[in-house]
Amino acid sequence: MTEQTIRIQGMTCNHCVMSVRRALAAIDAVEVEDVQIGNAVVRFDGSDEKRKEIDAAITNAGYSVTAHE
């Protein structure tokens, strides 16, 4: 499993945190370690396919992914 911090633009409050957490938790084989305003820490298999799925979930929740670390 790979742990990554994802930088997210557009999050401003605890509602945003909960929206991102719910979106990420709905993805199979992704463990949500932490979500705070501006970033999320997740664990997954490290594949590009799963990374794209994570990015899509965040985008569909109304936010923008700016970086993976």
N, C-alpha and C. Protein backbone atom coordinates (compact mmCIF):
# COMPACT_ATOMS: atom_id res chain seq x y z
N MET A 1 0.85 -1.19 0.00
CA MET A 1 0.00 0.00 0.00
C MET A 1 0.89 1.24 0.00
N THR A 2 0.47 2.23 -0.76
CA THR A 2 1.17 3.49 -0.87
C THR A 2 0.39 4.55 -0.11
N GLU A 3 1.08 5.35 0.68
CA GLU A 3 0.43 6.47 1.36
C GLU A 3 0.78 7.74 0.61
N GLN A 4 -0.24 8.54 0.29
CA GLN A 4 -0.02 9.79 -0.41
C GLN A 4 -0.81 10.90 0.23
N THR A 5 -0.20 12.09 0.21
CA THR A 5 -0.91 13.30 0.59
C THR A 5 -1.36 13.97 -0.69
N ILE A 6 -2.63 14.29 -0.75
CA ILE A 6 -3.21 14.93 -1.93
C ILE A 6 -3.56 16.36 -1.54
N ARG A 7 -3.00 17.31 -2.26
CA ARG A 7 -3.30 18.72 -2.05
C ARG A 7 -4.58 19.06 -2.81
N ILE A 8 -5.51 19.72 -2.12
CA ILE A 8 -6.83 19.99 -2.68
C ILE A 8 -7.16 21.47 -2.56
N GLN A 9 -7.55 22.06 -3.68
CA GLN A 9 -7.92 23.46 -3.70
C GLN A 9 -9.43 23.60 -3.62
N GLY A 10 -9.89 24.62 -2.90
CA GLY A 10 -11.32 24.92 -2.83
C GLY A 10 -11.97 24.53 -1.52
N MET A 11 -11.24 23.86 -0.63
CA MET A 11 -11.80 23.48 0.67
C MET A 11 -11.66 24.66 1.62
N THR A 12 -12.76 25.02 2.29
CA THR A 12 -12.72 26.18 3.17
C THR A 12 -13.29 25.94 4.57
N CYS A 13 -13.93 24.79 4.78
CA CYS A 13 -14.61 24.59 6.06
C CYS A 13 -14.73 23.10 6.39
N ASN A 14 -15.31 22.81 7.54
CA ASN A 14 -15.49 21.41 7.95
C ASN A 14 -16.47 20.67 7.05
N HIS A 15 -17.42 21.37 6.46
CA HIS A 15 -18.33 20.72 5.51
C HIS A 15 -17.54 20.20 4.32
N CYS A 16 -16.57 20.99 3.86
CA CYS A 16 -15.71 20.56 2.75
C CYS A 16 -14.92 19.31 3.14
N VAL A 17 -14.40 19.30 4.35
CA VAL A 17 -13.65 18.15 4.86
C VAL A 17 -14.52 16.90 4.83
N MET A 18 -15.73 17.01 5.31
CA MET A 18 -16.63 15.86 5.34
C MET A 18 -17.02 15.41 3.93
N SER A 19 -17.21 16.35 3.02
CA SER A 19 -17.55 15.99 1.63
C SER A 19 -16.43 15.20 0.98
N VAL A 20 -15.20 15.65 1.17
CA VAL A 20 -14.05 14.95 0.59
C VAL A 20 -13.87 13.59 1.25
N ARG A 21 -14.01 13.54 2.57
CA ARG A 21 -13.87 12.27 3.28
C ARG A 21 -14.88 11.24 2.77
N ARG A 22 -16.14 11.66 2.61
CA ARG A 22 -17.17 10.75 2.11
C ARG A 22 -16.89 10.28 0.69
N ALA A 23 -16.44 11.20 -0.15
CA ALA A 23 -16.14 10.85 -1.54
C ALA A 23 -15.01 9.83 -1.61
N LEU A 24 -13.98 10.02 -0.81
CA LEU A 24 -12.84 9.10 -0.81
C LEU A 24 -13.20 7.76 -0.17
N ALA A 25 -13.99 7.79 0.89
CA ALA A 25 -14.37 6.56 1.58
C ALA A 25 -15.23 5.65 0.71
N ALA A 26 -15.88 6.21 -0.29
CA ALA A 26 -16.74 5.43 -1.17
C ALA A 26 -15.95 4.64 -2.22
N ILE A 27 -14.65 4.88 -2.32
CA ILE A 27 -13.83 4.19 -3.33
C ILE A 27 -13.30 2.89 -2.74
N ASP A 28 -13.53 1.79 -3.43
CA ASP A 28 -13.02 0.49 -2.99
C ASP A 28 -11.50 0.51 -2.96
N ALA A 29 -10.93 -0.13 -1.94
CA ALA A 29 -9.48 -0.32 -1.79
C ALA A 29 -8.72 0.98 -1.54
N VAL A 30 -9.42 2.00 -1.03
CA VAL A 30 -8.76 3.24 -0.62
C VAL A 30 -9.05 3.45 0.85
N GLU A 31 -7.99 3.61 1.64
CA GLU A 31 -8.13 3.89 3.07
C GLU A 31 -7.87 5.37 3.29
N VAL A 32 -8.82 6.04 3.93
CA VAL A 32 -8.69 7.45 4.22
C VAL A 32 -8.02 7.59 5.60
N GLU A 33 -6.81 8.08 5.59
CA GLU A 33 -6.07 8.25 6.85
C GLU A 33 -6.45 9.55 7.55
N ASP A 34 -6.54 10.65 6.77
CA ASP A 34 -6.83 11.96 7.35
C ASP A 34 -7.32 12.89 6.26
N VAL A 35 -8.22 13.79 6.62
CA VAL A 35 -8.66 14.85 5.70
C VAL A 35 -8.70 16.13 6.51
N GLN A 36 -8.05 17.15 5.99
CA GLN A 36 -8.06 18.48 6.59
C GLN A 36 -8.29 19.48 5.49
N ILE A 37 -8.57 20.71 5.86
CA ILE A 37 -8.76 21.75 4.85
C ILE A 37 -7.49 21.85 4.03
N GLY A 38 -7.61 21.59 2.73
CA GLY A 38 -6.49 21.72 1.81
C GLY A 38 -5.74 20.45 1.48
N ASN A 39 -6.02 19.34 2.20
CA ASN A 39 -5.33 18.10 1.84
C ASN A 39 -6.02 16.88 2.42
N ALA A 40 -5.66 15.75 1.83
CA ALA A 40 -6.14 14.45 2.32
C ALA A 40 -4.98 13.47 2.25
N VAL A 41 -4.93 12.58 3.23
CA VAL A 41 -3.92 11.52 3.24
C VAL A 41 -4.66 10.20 3.06
N VAL A 42 -4.27 9.47 2.01
CA VAL A 42 -4.93 8.21 1.68
C VAL A 42 -3.89 7.11 1.47
N ARG A 43 -4.34 5.88 1.63
CA ARG A 43 -3.51 4.71 1.34
C ARG A 43 -4.23 3.90 0.27
N PHE A 44 -3.47 3.48 -0.76
CA PHE A 44 -4.03 2.68 -1.84
C PHE A 44 -2.90 1.93 -2.51
N ASP A 45 -3.22 1.15 -3.54
CA ASP A 45 -2.21 0.29 -4.17
C ASP A 45 -1.16 1.03 -4.99
N GLY A 46 -1.32 2.32 -5.19
CA GLY A 46 -0.33 3.12 -5.90
C GLY A 46 -0.50 3.15 -7.40
N SER A 47 -1.50 2.47 -7.92
CA SER A 47 -1.69 2.42 -9.38
C SER A 47 -2.21 3.75 -9.92
N ASP A 48 -1.86 4.01 -11.19
CA ASP A 48 -2.36 5.22 -11.85
C ASP A 48 -3.87 5.20 -11.97
N GLU A 49 -4.43 4.01 -12.20
CA GLU A 49 -5.88 3.89 -12.32
C GLU A 49 -6.58 4.31 -11.02
N LYS A 50 -6.08 3.85 -9.90
CA LYS A 50 -6.69 4.21 -8.61
C LYS A 50 -6.49 5.70 -8.32
N ARG A 51 -5.32 6.23 -8.68
CA ARG A 51 -5.05 7.67 -8.49
C ARG A 51 -6.05 8.49 -9.30
N LYS A 52 -6.35 8.07 -10.52
CA LYS A 52 -7.33 8.78 -11.34
C LYS A 52 -8.72 8.70 -10.73
N GLU A 53 -9.04 7.55 -10.15
CA GLU A 53 -10.34 7.38 -9.48
C GLU A 53 -10.45 8.31 -8.27
N ILE A 54 -9.37 8.43 -7.52
CA ILE A 54 -9.33 9.34 -6.36
C ILE A 54 -9.51 10.78 -6.82
N ASP A 55 -8.77 11.19 -7.85
CA ASP A 55 -8.88 12.55 -8.38
C ASP A 55 -10.29 12.84 -8.87
N ALA A 56 -10.90 11.87 -9.55
CA ALA A 56 -12.26 12.05 -10.06
C ALA A 56 -13.26 12.22 -8.92
N ALA A 57 -13.09 11.46 -7.84
CA ALA A 57 -14.00 11.57 -6.69
C ALA A 57 -13.91 12.96 -6.06
N ILE A 58 -12.69 13.47 -5.95
CA ILE A 58 -12.50 14.80 -5.37
C ILE A 58 -13.10 15.86 -6.29
N THR A 59 -12.86 15.73 -7.58
CA THR A 59 -13.40 16.68 -8.56
C THR A 59 -14.92 16.65 -8.56
N ASN A 60 -15.49 15.45 -8.52
CA ASN A 60 -16.95 15.31 -8.50
C ASN A 60 -17.57 15.88 -7.23
N ALA A 61 -16.78 15.95 -6.15
CA ALA A 61 -17.27 16.55 -4.90
C ALA A 61 -17.20 18.08 -4.95
N GLY A 62 -16.55 18.63 -6.03
CA GLY A 62 -16.54 20.07 -6.19
C GLY A 62 -15.21 20.75 -5.91
N TYR A 63 -14.15 19.98 -5.82
CA TYR A 63 -12.84 20.53 -5.48
C TYR A 63 -11.81 20.18 -6.55
N SER A 64 -10.62 20.77 -6.46
CA SER A 64 -9.57 20.55 -7.46
C SER A 64 -8.34 19.94 -6.81
N VAL A 65 -7.80 18.90 -7.43
CA VAL A 65 -6.55 18.30 -6.97
C VAL A 65 -5.41 19.11 -7.56
N THR A 66 -4.50 19.56 -6.70
CA THR A 66 -3.38 20.37 -7.19
C THR A 66 -2.06 19.60 -7.17
N ALA A 67 -1.93 18.56 -6.34
CA ALA A 67 -0.67 17.80 -6.30
C ALA A 67 -0.87 16.51 -5.53
N HIS A 68 0.01 15.54 -5.84
CA HIS A 68 0.12 14.29 -5.09
C HIS A 68 1.53 14.27 -4.51
N GLU A 69 1.64 14.01 -3.23
CA GLU A 69 2.96 13.95 -2.60
C GLU A 69 3.15 12.63 -1.92
